[in-house]
Amino acid sequence: MSVTAEDIGRYVQDASGRSGVLRDVIPDYEDPAEPPGERRRFPVAFLWPEGGGKEWLELDAAGIDPARFGLPV
């Protein structure tokens, strides 16, 4: 399952089992470190840990499961 902008602000779980609040989704992120002709687009999600802490970037936004929690904060 994949998250969308409609899931922002909801509790979700990433592929490694960490849970948190979905803060943002970039559906067509391109890594600026790659040369312009070799960049590929992929979905990226930003999550904030449950209970606070340091936000993390999930490069596999398709692996985030909003159905597990799905509750608004």
Protein backbone atom coordinates (compact mmCIF):
# COMPACT_ATOMS: atom_id res chain seq x y z
CA MET A 1 0.00 0.00 0.00
CA SER A 2 1.19 3.52 -0.63
CA VAL A 3 0.51 6.82 1.07
CA THR A 4 -0.73 9.99 -0.59
CA ALA A 5 -1.08 13.63 0.43
CA GLU A 6 -4.50 12.69 1.86
CA ASP A 7 -2.70 10.61 4.53
CA ILE A 8 -0.62 13.55 5.84
CA GLY A 9 -1.20 14.01 9.56
CA ARG A 10 -2.12 10.36 10.14
CA TYR A 11 -0.26 7.67 12.04
CA VAL A 12 1.45 5.24 9.67
CA GLN A 13 3.99 2.42 9.79
CA ASP A 14 7.02 2.06 7.53
CA ALA A 15 8.39 -1.17 6.05
CA SER A 16 10.79 -1.68 8.99
CA GLY A 17 7.97 -1.44 11.54
CA ARG A 18 8.62 2.07 12.84
CA SER A 19 5.46 4.06 13.42
CA GLY A 20 4.94 7.79 13.30
CA VAL A 21 3.01 10.67 11.84
CA LEU A 22 3.18 11.23 8.09
CA ARG A 23 4.42 14.81 7.65
CA ASP A 24 4.77 15.09 3.87
CA VAL A 25 4.92 13.08 0.63
CA ILE A 26 6.87 13.94 -2.51
CA PRO A 27 5.51 11.62 -5.22
CA ASP A 28 8.19 12.41 -7.81
CA TYR A 29 11.39 13.08 -5.85
CA GLU A 30 14.66 13.22 -7.78
CA ASP A 31 17.97 12.86 -5.91
CA PRO A 32 19.95 16.05 -6.64
CA ALA A 33 23.22 14.16 -6.02
CA GLU A 34 22.64 12.15 -9.21
CA PRO A 35 23.73 13.59 -12.58
CA PRO A 36 20.78 15.23 -14.40
CA GLY A 37 20.66 12.60 -17.16
CA GLU A 38 20.66 9.71 -14.67
CA ARG A 39 18.06 10.86 -12.14
CA ARG A 40 15.03 8.70 -11.58
CA ARG A 41 11.80 9.72 -9.90
CA PHE A 42 10.41 7.88 -6.89
CA PRO A 43 8.01 8.59 -4.02
CA VAL A 44 9.50 9.81 -0.72
CA ALA A 45 7.76 10.27 2.61
CA PHE A 46 8.71 12.27 5.71
CA LEU A 47 7.68 10.80 9.06
CA TRP A 48 7.77 12.17 12.59
CA PRO A 49 8.27 9.58 15.35
CA GLU A 50 5.39 8.72 17.60
CA GLY A 51 5.99 10.59 20.87
CA GLY A 52 8.37 13.12 19.27
CA GLY A 53 11.97 13.04 18.18
CA LYS A 54 13.85 13.44 14.93
CA GLU A 55 11.91 13.28 11.66
CA TRP A 56 13.09 10.65 9.20
CA LEU A 57 12.96 10.25 5.46
CA GLU A 58 11.49 7.07 4.02
CA LEU A 59 12.78 6.49 0.50
CA ASP A 60 10.26 3.73 -0.13
CA ALA A 61 6.99 5.61 0.32
CA ALA A 62 5.25 2.69 -1.38
CA GLY A 63 6.19 0.56 1.65
CA ILE A 64 4.37 2.76 4.16
CA ASP A 65 1.14 1.35 5.46
CA PRO A 66 -1.55 3.89 6.39
CA ALA A 67 -4.11 1.16 7.00
CA ARG A 68 -2.41 -0.14 10.12
CA PHE A 69 -3.13 3.03 12.09
CA GLY A 70 -4.90 5.52 9.84
CA LEU A 71 -5.93 7.72 12.75
CA PRO A 72 -5.54 11.49 12.55
CA VAL A 73 -3.23 13.08 15.09
